[in-house]
Amino acid sequence: MYFYTQKSHKMHFEKIIKTIKERREALQVNQENLAKLSGVGLRTLKQFESGKGNPTLLTVTKLADTLGLELELNVKQLKPDEASEGVL
């Protein structure tokens, strides 16, 4: 189970986007080719890299796998004050 606040969720998501985009660019793969290789729609990929849209975990995993990256989820220990802020 993974708990997060809205703020930490956005920060993690932005880091994932940045990592995938930087890896794609480092490998000199354009968006069109990554979309074809990963089986993810080009429109979906463009929305993902621009921080728009709401990709599924499967979509993000396909992109990461194609680029030789691995997604990892960690259990975050909440502090008492974080728990009172709202757990999503």
PDB file of N, CA and C in Angstrom:
ATOM      1  N   MET A   1       0.845  -1.171   0.000  1.00  0.00           N
ATOM      2  CA  MET A   1       0.000   0.000   0.000  1.00  0.00           C
ATOM      3  C   MET A   1       0.894   1.239   0.000  1.00  0.00           C
ATOM      4  N   TYR A   2       0.526   2.254  -0.754  1.00  0.00           N
ATOM      5  CA  TYR A   2       1.326   3.455  -0.853  1.00  0.00           C
ATOM      6  C   TYR A   2       0.467   4.653  -0.485  1.00  0.00           C
ATOM      7  N   PHE A   3       0.857   5.363   0.537  1.00  0.00           N
ATOM      8  CA  PHE A   3       0.134   6.542   0.987  1.00  0.00           C
ATOM      9  C   PHE A   3       0.877   7.786   0.510  1.00  0.00           C
ATOM     10  N   TYR A   4       0.140   8.800   0.148  1.00  0.00           N
ATOM     11  CA  TYR A   4       0.786  10.034  -0.240  1.00  0.00           C
ATOM     12  C   TYR A   4      -0.185  11.193  -0.072  1.00  0.00           C
ATOM     13  N   THR A   5       0.390  12.374   0.033  1.00  0.00           N
ATOM     14  CA  THR A   5      -0.451  13.565   0.028  1.00  0.00           C
ATOM     15  C   THR A   5      -0.491  14.061  -1.402  1.00  0.00           C
ATOM     16  N   GLN A   6      -1.396  14.940  -1.704  1.00  0.00           N
ATOM     17  CA  GLN A   6      -1.514  15.466  -3.065  1.00  0.00           C
ATOM     18  C   GLN A   6      -0.197  16.099  -3.514  1.00  0.00           C
ATOM     19  N   LYS A   7       0.457  16.844  -2.650  1.00  0.00           N
ATOM     20  CA  LYS A   7       1.698  17.518  -3.005  1.00  0.00           C
ATOM     21  C   LYS A   7       2.794  16.508  -3.356  1.00  0.00           C
ATOM     22  N   SER A   8       2.991  15.486  -2.547  1.00  0.00           N
ATOM     23  CA  SER A   8       4.047  14.526  -2.837  1.00  0.00           C
ATOM     24  C   SER A   8       3.731  13.726  -4.093  1.00  0.00           C
ATOM     25  N   HIS A   9       2.463  13.472  -4.349  1.00  0.00           N
ATOM     26  CA  HIS A   9       2.060  12.756  -5.564  1.00  0.00           C
ATOM     27  C   HIS A   9       2.523  13.522  -6.794  1.00  0.00           C
ATOM     28  N   LYS A  10       2.283  14.828  -6.821  1.00  0.00           N
ATOM     29  CA  LYS A  10       2.665  15.639  -7.965  1.00  0.00           C
ATOM     30  C   LYS A  10       4.180  15.662  -8.138  1.00  0.00           C
ATOM     31  N   MET A  11       4.915  15.779  -7.044  1.00  0.00           N
ATOM     32  CA  MET A  11       6.373  15.812  -7.122  1.00  0.00           C
ATOM     33  C   MET A  11       6.913  14.504  -7.678  1.00  0.00           C
ATOM     34  N   HIS A  12       6.375  13.375  -7.240  1.00  0.00           N
ATOM     35  CA  HIS A  12       6.837  12.085  -7.738  1.00  0.00           C
ATOM     36  C   HIS A  12       6.511  11.937  -9.216  1.00  0.00           C
ATOM     37  N   PHE A  13       5.326  12.356  -9.614  1.00  0.00           N
ATOM     38  CA  PHE A  13       4.904  12.229 -10.996  1.00  0.00           C
ATOM     39  C   PHE A  13       5.790  13.078 -11.900  1.00  0.00           C
ATOM     40  N   GLU A  14       6.112  14.297 -11.474  1.00  0.00           N
ATOM     41  CA  GLU A  14       6.986  15.164 -12.261  1.00  0.00           C
ATOM     42  C   GLU A  14       8.374  14.546 -12.412  1.00  0.00           C
ATOM     43  N   LYS A  15       8.849  13.887 -11.380  1.00  0.00           N
ATOM     44  CA  LYS A  15      10.162  13.242 -11.457  1.00  0.00           C
ATOM     45  C   LYS A  15      10.136  12.074 -12.451  1.00  0.00           C
ATOM     46  N   ILE A  16       9.054  11.320 -12.460  1.00  0.00           N
ATOM     47  CA  ILE A  16       8.916  10.204 -13.406  1.00  0.00           C
ATOM     48  C   ILE A  16       8.899  10.742 -14.829  1.00  0.00           C
ATOM     49  N   ILE A  17       8.123  11.789 -15.064  1.00  0.00           N
ATOM     50  CA  ILE A  17       8.058  12.395 -16.401  1.00  0.00           C
ATOM     51  C   ILE A  17       9.448  12.849 -16.837  1.00  0.00           C
ATOM     52  N   LYS A  18      10.122  13.566 -15.951  1.00  0.00           N
ATOM     53  CA  LYS A  18      11.456  14.094 -16.279  1.00  0.00           C
ATOM     54  C   LYS A  18      12.437  12.965 -16.581  1.00  0.00           C
ATOM     55  N   THR A  19      12.410  11.923 -15.785  1.00  0.00           N
ATOM     56  CA  THR A  19      13.338  10.802 -15.973  1.00  0.00           C
ATOM     57  C   THR A  19      13.097  10.112 -17.308  1.00  0.00           C
ATOM     58  N   ILE A  20      11.842   9.853 -17.627  1.00  0.00           N
ATOM     59  CA  ILE A  20      11.525   9.172 -18.890  1.00  0.00           C
ATOM     60  C   ILE A  20      11.900  10.055 -20.078  1.00  0.00           C
ATOM     61  N   LYS A  21      11.578  11.326 -20.004  1.00  0.00           N
ATOM     62  CA  LYS A  21      11.898  12.228 -21.116  1.00  0.00           C
ATOM     63  C   LYS A  21      13.412  12.353 -21.297  1.00  0.00           C
ATOM     64  N   GLU A  22      14.144  12.513 -20.199  1.00  0.00           N
ATOM     65  CA  GLU A  22      15.604  12.631 -20.286  1.00  0.00           C
ATOM     66  C   GLU A  22      16.233  11.359 -20.847  1.00  0.00           C
ATOM     67  N   ARG A  23      15.722  10.205 -20.441  1.00  0.00           N
ATOM     68  CA  ARG A  23      16.250   8.935 -20.948  1.00  0.00           C
ATOM     69  C   ARG A  23      15.976   8.801 -22.442  1.00  0.00           C
ATOM     70  N   ARG A  24      14.768   9.172 -22.865  1.00  0.00           N
ATOM     71  CA  ARG A  24      14.422   9.114 -24.290  1.00  0.00           C
ATOM     72  C   ARG A  24      15.368   9.998 -25.090  1.00  0.00           C
ATOM     73  N   GLU A  25      15.607  11.209 -24.608  1.00  0.00           N
ATOM     74  CA  GLU A  25      16.498  12.127 -25.307  1.00  0.00           C
ATOM     75  C   GLU A  25      17.946  11.645 -25.298  1.00  0.00           C
ATOM     76  N   ALA A  26      18.399  11.070 -24.174  1.00  0.00           N
ATOM     77  CA  ALA A  26      19.766  10.549 -24.083  1.00  0.00           C
ATOM     78  C   ALA A  26      19.990   9.406 -25.071  1.00  0.00           C
ATOM     79  N   LEU A  27      18.949   8.621 -25.303  1.00  0.00           N
ATOM     80  CA  LEU A  27      19.037   7.509 -26.256  1.00  0.00           C
ATOM     81  C   LEU A  27      18.761   7.969 -27.689  1.00  0.00           C
ATOM     82  N   GLN A  28      18.489   9.247 -27.850  1.00  0.00           N
ATOM     83  CA  GLN A  28      18.197   9.850 -29.151  1.00  0.00           C
ATOM     84  C   GLN A  28      17.027   9.153 -29.849  1.00  0.00           C
ATOM     85  N   VAL A  29      15.989   8.925 -29.069  1.00  0.00           N
ATOM     86  CA  VAL A  29      14.759   8.333 -29.588  1.00  0.00           C
ATOM     87  C   VAL A  29      13.707   9.434 -29.616  1.00  0.00           C
ATOM     88  N   ASN A  30      13.090   9.637 -30.766  1.00  0.00           N
ATOM     89  CA  ASN A  30      12.042  10.661 -30.805  1.00  0.00           C
ATOM     90  C   ASN A  30      10.736  10.085 -30.273  1.00  0.00           C
ATOM     91  N   GLN A  31       9.775  10.970 -30.048  1.00  0.00           N
ATOM     92  CA  GLN A  31       8.502  10.538 -29.476  1.00  0.00           C
ATOM     93  C   GLN A  31       7.781   9.533 -30.365  1.00  0.00           C
ATOM     94  N   GLU A  32       7.837   9.736 -31.662  1.00  0.00           N
ATOM     95  CA  GLU A  32       7.158   8.835 -32.587  1.00  0.00           C
ATOM     96  C   GLU A  32       7.698   7.406 -32.473  1.00  0.00           C
ATOM     97  N   ASN A  33       9.018   7.291 -32.435  1.00  0.00           N
ATOM     98  CA  ASN A  33       9.624   5.955 -32.333  1.00  0.00           C
ATOM     99  C   ASN A  33       9.363   5.306 -30.982  1.00  0.00           C
ATOM    100  N   LEU A  34       9.419   6.097 -29.911  1.00  0.00           N
ATOM    101  CA  LEU A  34       9.137   5.533 -28.591  1.00  0.00           C
ATOM    102  C   LEU A  34       7.694   5.047 -28.522  1.00  0.00           C
ATOM    103  N   ALA A  35       6.784   5.801 -29.096  1.00  0.00           N
ATOM    104  CA  ALA A  35       5.380   5.393 -29.110  1.00  0.00           C
ATOM    105  C   ALA A  35       5.227   4.049 -29.826  1.00  0.00           C
ATOM    106  N   LYS A  36       5.863   3.911 -30.980  1.00  0.00           N
ATOM    107  CA  LYS A  36       5.784   2.656 -31.744  1.00  0.00           C
ATOM    108  C   LYS A  36       6.426   1.499 -30.989  1.00  0.00           C
ATOM    109  N   LEU A  37       7.610   1.723 -30.457  1.00  0.00           N
ATOM    110  CA  LEU A  37       8.342   0.659 -29.760  1.00  0.00           C
ATOM    111  C   LEU A  37       7.644   0.197 -28.481  1.00  0.00           C
ATOM    112  N   SER A  38       7.002   1.123 -27.798  1.00  0.00           N
ATOM    113  CA  SER A  38       6.382   0.797 -26.512  1.00  0.00           C
ATOM    114  C   SER A  38       4.930   0.352 -26.631  1.00  0.00           C
ATOM    115  N   GLY A  39       4.315   0.651 -27.768  1.00  0.00           N
ATOM    116  CA  GLY A  39       2.903   0.328 -27.918  1.00  0.00           C
ATOM    117  C   GLY A  39       1.988   1.354 -27.262  1.00  0.00           C
ATOM    118  N   VAL A  40       2.543   2.509 -26.944  1.00  0.00           N
ATOM    119  CA  VAL A  40       1.777   3.600 -26.346  1.00  0.00           C
ATOM    120  C   VAL A  40       1.446   4.590 -27.457  1.00  0.00           C
ATOM    121  N   GLY A  41       0.248   5.102 -27.453  1.00  0.00           N
ATOM    122  CA  GLY A  41      -0.148   6.065 -28.480  1.00  0.00           C
ATOM    123  C   GLY A  41       0.697   7.328 -28.437  1.00  0.00           C
ATOM    124  N   LEU A  42       0.975   7.883 -29.605  1.00  0.00           N
ATOM    125  CA  LEU A  42       1.781   9.093 -29.685  1.00  0.00           C
ATOM    126  C   LEU A  42       1.125  10.240 -28.922  1.00  0.00           C
ATOM    127  N   ARG A  43      -0.167  10.379 -29.061  1.00  0.00           N
ATOM    128  CA  ARG A  43      -0.889  11.438 -28.346  1.00  0.00           C
ATOM    129  C   ARG A  43      -0.745  11.260 -26.830  1.00  0.00           C
ATOM    130  N   THR A  44      -0.857  10.017 -26.367  1.00  0.00           N
ATOM    131  CA  THR A  44      -0.701   9.717 -24.939  1.00  0.00           C
ATOM    132  C   THR A  44       0.698  10.080 -24.463  1.00  0.00           C
ATOM    133  N   LEU A  45       1.704   9.721 -25.254  1.00  0.00           N
ATOM    134  CA  LEU A  45       3.090  10.026 -24.893  1.00  0.00           C
ATOM    135  C   LEU A  45       3.321  11.530 -24.822  1.00  0.00           C
ATOM    136  N   LYS A  46       2.805  12.250 -25.807  1.00  0.00           N
ATOM    137  CA  LYS A  46       2.981  13.709 -25.808  1.00  0.00           C
ATOM    138  C   LYS A  46       2.298  14.350 -24.603  1.00  0.00           C
ATOM    139  N   GLN A  47       1.106  13.882 -24.276  1.00  0.00           N
ATOM    140  CA  GLN A  47       0.408  14.406 -23.102  1.00  0.00           C
ATOM    141  C   GLN A  47       1.187  14.081 -21.828  1.00  0.00           C
ATOM    142  N   PHE A  48       1.713  12.863 -21.751  1.00  0.00           N
ATOM    143  CA  PHE A  48       2.486  12.441 -20.583  1.00  0.00           C
ATOM    144  C   PHE A  48       3.705  13.340 -20.393  1.00  0.00           C
ATOM    145  N   GLU A  49       4.494  13.526 -21.460  1.00  0.00           N
ATOM    146  CA  GLU A  49       5.718  14.313 -21.348  1.00  0.00           C
ATOM    147  C   GLU A  49       5.448  15.787 -21.071  1.00  0.00           C
ATOM    148  N   SER A  50       4.271  16.259 -21.420  1.00  0.00           N
ATOM    149  CA  SER A  50       3.940  17.663 -21.142  1.00  0.00           C
ATOM    150  C   SER A  50       3.285  17.833 -19.775  1.00  0.00           C
ATOM    151  N   GLY A  51       3.096  16.713 -19.053  1.00  0.00           N
ATOM    152  CA  GLY A  51       2.510  16.774 -17.723  1.00  0.00           C
ATOM    153  C   GLY A  51       0.995  16.820 -17.735  1.00  0.00           C
ATOM    154  N   LYS A  52       0.422  16.569 -18.885  1.00  0.00           N
ATOM    155  CA  LYS A  52      -1.038  16.565 -19.014  1.00  0.00           C
ATOM    156  C   LYS A  52      -1.511  15.123 -19.112  1.00  0.00           C
ATOM    157  N   GLY A  53      -2.791  14.939 -19.056  1.00  0.00           N
ATOM    158  CA  GLY A  53      -3.315  13.584 -19.156  1.00  0.00           C
ATOM    159  C   GLY A  53      -3.165  12.847 -17.839  1.00  0.00           C
ATOM    160  N   ASN A  54      -3.614  11.621 -17.852  1.00  0.00           N
ATOM    161  CA  ASN A  54      -3.589  10.795 -16.653  1.00  0.00           C
ATOM    162  C   ASN A  54      -3.240   9.364 -17.059  1.00  0.00           C
ATOM    163  N   PRO A  55      -1.958   9.092 -17.336  1.00  0.00           N
ATOM    164  CA  PRO A  55      -1.584   7.767 -17.823  1.00  0.00           C
ATOM    165  C   PRO A  55      -1.763   6.693 -16.756  1.00  0.00           C
ATOM    166  N   THR A  56      -2.058   5.504 -17.207  1.00  0.00           N
ATOM    167  CA  THR A  56      -2.162   4.375 -16.289  1.00  0.00           C
ATOM    168  C   THR A  56      -0.765   3.919 -15.886  1.00  0.00           C
ATOM    169  N   LEU A  57      -0.711   3.125 -14.841  1.00  0.00           N
ATOM    170  CA  LEU A  57       0.568   2.544 -14.428  1.00  0.00           C
ATOM    171  C   LEU A  57       1.120   1.662 -15.540  1.00  0.00           C
ATOM    172  N   LEU A  58       0.252   0.972 -16.256  1.00  0.00           N
ATOM    173  CA  LEU A  58       0.680   0.126 -17.375  1.00  0.00           C
ATOM    174  C   LEU A  58       1.353   0.969 -18.455  1.00  0.00           C
ATOM    175  N   THR A  59       0.787   2.116 -18.773  1.00  0.00           N
ATOM    176  CA  THR A  59       1.375   2.997 -19.785  1.00  0.00           C
ATOM    177  C   THR A  59       2.764   3.460 -19.366  1.00  0.00           C
ATOM    178  N   VAL A  60       2.898   3.907 -18.136  1.00  0.00           N
ATOM    179  CA  VAL A  60       4.197   4.378 -17.640  1.00  0.00           C
ATOM    180  C   VAL A  60       5.199   3.222 -17.619  1.00  0.00           C
ATOM    181  N   THR A  61       4.741   2.045 -17.250  1.00  0.00           N
ATOM    182  CA  THR A  61       5.618   0.870 -17.230  1.00  0.00           C
ATOM    183  C   THR A  61       6.092   0.513 -18.634  1.00  0.00           C
ATOM    184  N   LYS A  62       5.215   0.569 -19.611  1.00  0.00           N
ATOM    185  CA  LYS A  62       5.601   0.282 -21.003  1.00  0.00           C
ATOM    186  C   LYS A  62       6.685   1.244 -21.465  1.00  0.00           C
ATOM    187  N   LEU A  63       6.516   2.523 -21.176  1.00  0.00           N
ATOM    188  CA  LEU A  63       7.520   3.513 -21.562  1.00  0.00           C
ATOM    189  C   LEU A  63       8.846   3.251 -20.864  1.00  0.00           C
ATOM    190  N   ALA A  64       8.786   3.031 -19.570  1.00  0.00           N
ATOM    191  CA  ALA A  64      10.005   2.783 -18.793  1.00  0.00           C
ATOM    192  C   ALA A  64      10.720   1.525 -19.281  1.00  0.00           C
ATOM    193  N   ASP A  65       9.974   0.448 -19.471  1.00  0.00           N
ATOM    194  CA  ASP A  65      10.577  -0.807 -19.940  1.00  0.00           C
ATOM    195  C   ASP A  65      11.267  -0.622 -21.289  1.00  0.00           C
ATOM    196  N   THR A  66      10.624   0.065 -22.186  1.00  0.00           N
ATOM    197  CA  THR A  66      11.179   0.279 -23.522  1.00  0.00           C
ATOM    198  C   THR A  66      12.488   1.061 -23.456  1.00  0.00           C
ATOM    199  N   LEU A  67      12.585   1.957 -22.482  1.00  0.00           N
ATOM    200  CA  LEU A  67      13.788   2.782 -22.328  1.00  0.00           C
ATOM    201  C   LEU A  67      14.820   2.161 -21.390  1.00  0.00           C
ATOM    202  N   GLY A  68      14.553   0.941 -20.916  1.00  0.00           N
ATOM    203  CA  GLY A  68      15.495   0.274 -20.026  1.00  0.00           C
ATOM    204  C   GLY A  68      15.452   0.804 -18.609  1.00  0.00           C
ATOM    205  N   LEU A  69      14.310   1.349 -18.219  1.00  0.00           N
ATOM    206  CA  LEU A  69      14.128   1.863 -16.862  1.00  0.00           C
ATOM    207  C   LEU A  69      13.211   0.924 -16.090  1.00  0.00           C
ATOM    208  N   GLU A  70      13.235   1.037 -14.783  1.00  0.00           N
ATOM    209  CA  GLU A  70      12.397   0.205 -13.924  1.00  0.00           C
ATOM    210  C   GLU A  70      11.664   1.092 -12.926  1.00  0.00           C
ATOM    211  N   LEU A  71      10.372   0.858 -12.788  1.00  0.00           N
ATOM    212  CA  LEU A  71       9.586   1.585 -11.783  1.00  0.00           C
ATOM    213  C   LEU A  71       9.633   0.829 -10.477  1.00  0.00           C
ATOM    214  N   GLU A  72       9.708   1.572  -9.393  1.00  0.00           N
ATOM    215  CA  GLU A  72       9.747   0.955  -8.070  1.00  0.00           C
ATOM    216  C   GLU A  72       8.830   1.733  -7.141  1.00  0.00           C
ATOM    217  N   LEU A  73       7.995   1.031  -6.413  1.00  0.00           N
ATOM    218  CA  LEU A  73       7.122   1.664  -5.424  1.00  0.00           C
ATOM    219  C   LEU A  73       7.650   1.352  -4.038  1.00  0.00           C
ATOM    220  N   ASN A  74       7.672   2.355  -3.199  1.00  0.00           N
ATOM    221  CA  ASN A  74       8.143   2.192  -1.828  1.00  0.00           C
ATOM    222  C   ASN A  74       7.031   2.573  -0.861  1.00  0.00           C
ATOM    223  N   VAL A  75       7.006   1.924   0.259  1.00  0.00           N
ATOM    224  CA  VAL A  75       6.039   2.254   1.299  1.00  0.00           C
ATOM    225  C   VAL A  75       6.590   3.431   2.085  1.00  0.00           C
ATOM    226  N   LYS A  76       5.802   4.454   2.170  1.00  0.00           N
ATOM    227  CA  LYS A  76       6.211   5.656   2.879  1.00  0.00           C
ATOM    228  C   LYS A  76       5.628   5.613   4.285  1.00  0.00           C
ATOM    229  N   GLN A  77       6.463   5.854   5.252  1.00  0.00           N
ATOM    230  CA  GLN A  77       6.002   5.938   6.637  1.00  0.00           C
ATOM    231  C   GLN A  77       5.498   7.350   6.877  1.00  0.00           C
ATOM    232  N   LEU A  78       4.240   7.468   7.241  1.00  0.00           N
ATOM    233  CA  LEU A  78       3.656   8.775   7.483  1.00  0.00           C
ATOM    234  C   LEU A  78       3.935   9.254   8.895  1.00  0.00           C
ATOM    235  N   LYS A  79       4.203  10.530   9.013  1.00  0.00           N
ATOM    236  CA  LYS A  79       4.333  11.167  10.317  1.00  0.00           C
ATOM    237  C   LYS A  79       2.924  11.505  10.779  1.00  0.00           C
ATOM    238  N   PRO A  80       2.696  11.595  12.075  1.00  0.00           N
ATOM    239  CA  PRO A  80       1.342  11.895  12.562  1.00  0.00           C
ATOM    240  C   PRO A  80       0.718  13.137  11.927  1.00  0.00           C
ATOM    241  N   ASP A  81       1.500  14.204  11.697  1.00  0.00           N
ATOM    242  CA  ASP A  81       0.939  15.415  11.103  1.00  0.00           C
ATOM    243  C   ASP A  81       0.585  15.227   9.635  1.00  0.00           C
ATOM    244  N   GLU A  82       1.277  14.347   8.914  1.00  0.00           N
ATOM    245  CA  GLU A  82       0.933  14.060   7.525  1.00  0.00           C
ATOM    246  C   GLU A  82      -0.378  13.296   7.430  1.00  0.00           C
ATOM    247  N   ALA A  83      -0.591  12.390   8.354  1.00  0.00           N
ATOM    248  CA  ALA A  83      -1.819  11.594   8.341  1.00  0.00           C
ATOM    249  C   ALA A  83      -3.040  12.474   8.534  1.00  0.00           C
ATOM    250  N   SER A  84      -2.903  13.522   9.334  1.00  0.00           N
ATOM    251  CA  SER A  84      -4.055  14.398   9.583  1.00  0.00           C
ATOM    252  C   SER A  84      -4.338  15.329   8.402  1.00  0.00           C
ATOM    253  N   GLU A  85      -3.356  15.496   7.491  1.00  0.00           N
ATOM    254  CA  GLU A  85      -3.548  16.344   6.313  1.00  0.00           C
ATOM    255  C   GLU A  85      -4.418  15.681   5.263  1.00  0.00           C
ATOM    256  N   GLY A  86      -4.557  14.392   5.338  1.00  0.00           N
ATOM    257  CA  GLY A  86      -5.381  13.684   4.364  1.00  0.00           C
ATOM    258  C   GLY A  86      -4.554  12.669   3.602  1.00  0.00           C
ATOM    259  N   VAL A  87      -4.990  11.476   3.629  1.00  0.00           N
ATOM    260  CA  VAL A  87      -4.336  10.395   2.907  1.00  0.00           C
ATOM    261  C   VAL A  87      -5.210  10.048   1.735  1.00  0.00           C
ATOM    262  N   LEU A  88      -4.611   9.979   0.561  1.00  0.00           N
ATOM    263  CA  LEU A  88      -5.376   9.667  -0.641  1.00  0.00           C
ATOM    264  C   LEU A  88      -5.192   8.225  -1.016  1.00  0.00           C
TER     265      LEU A  88
END
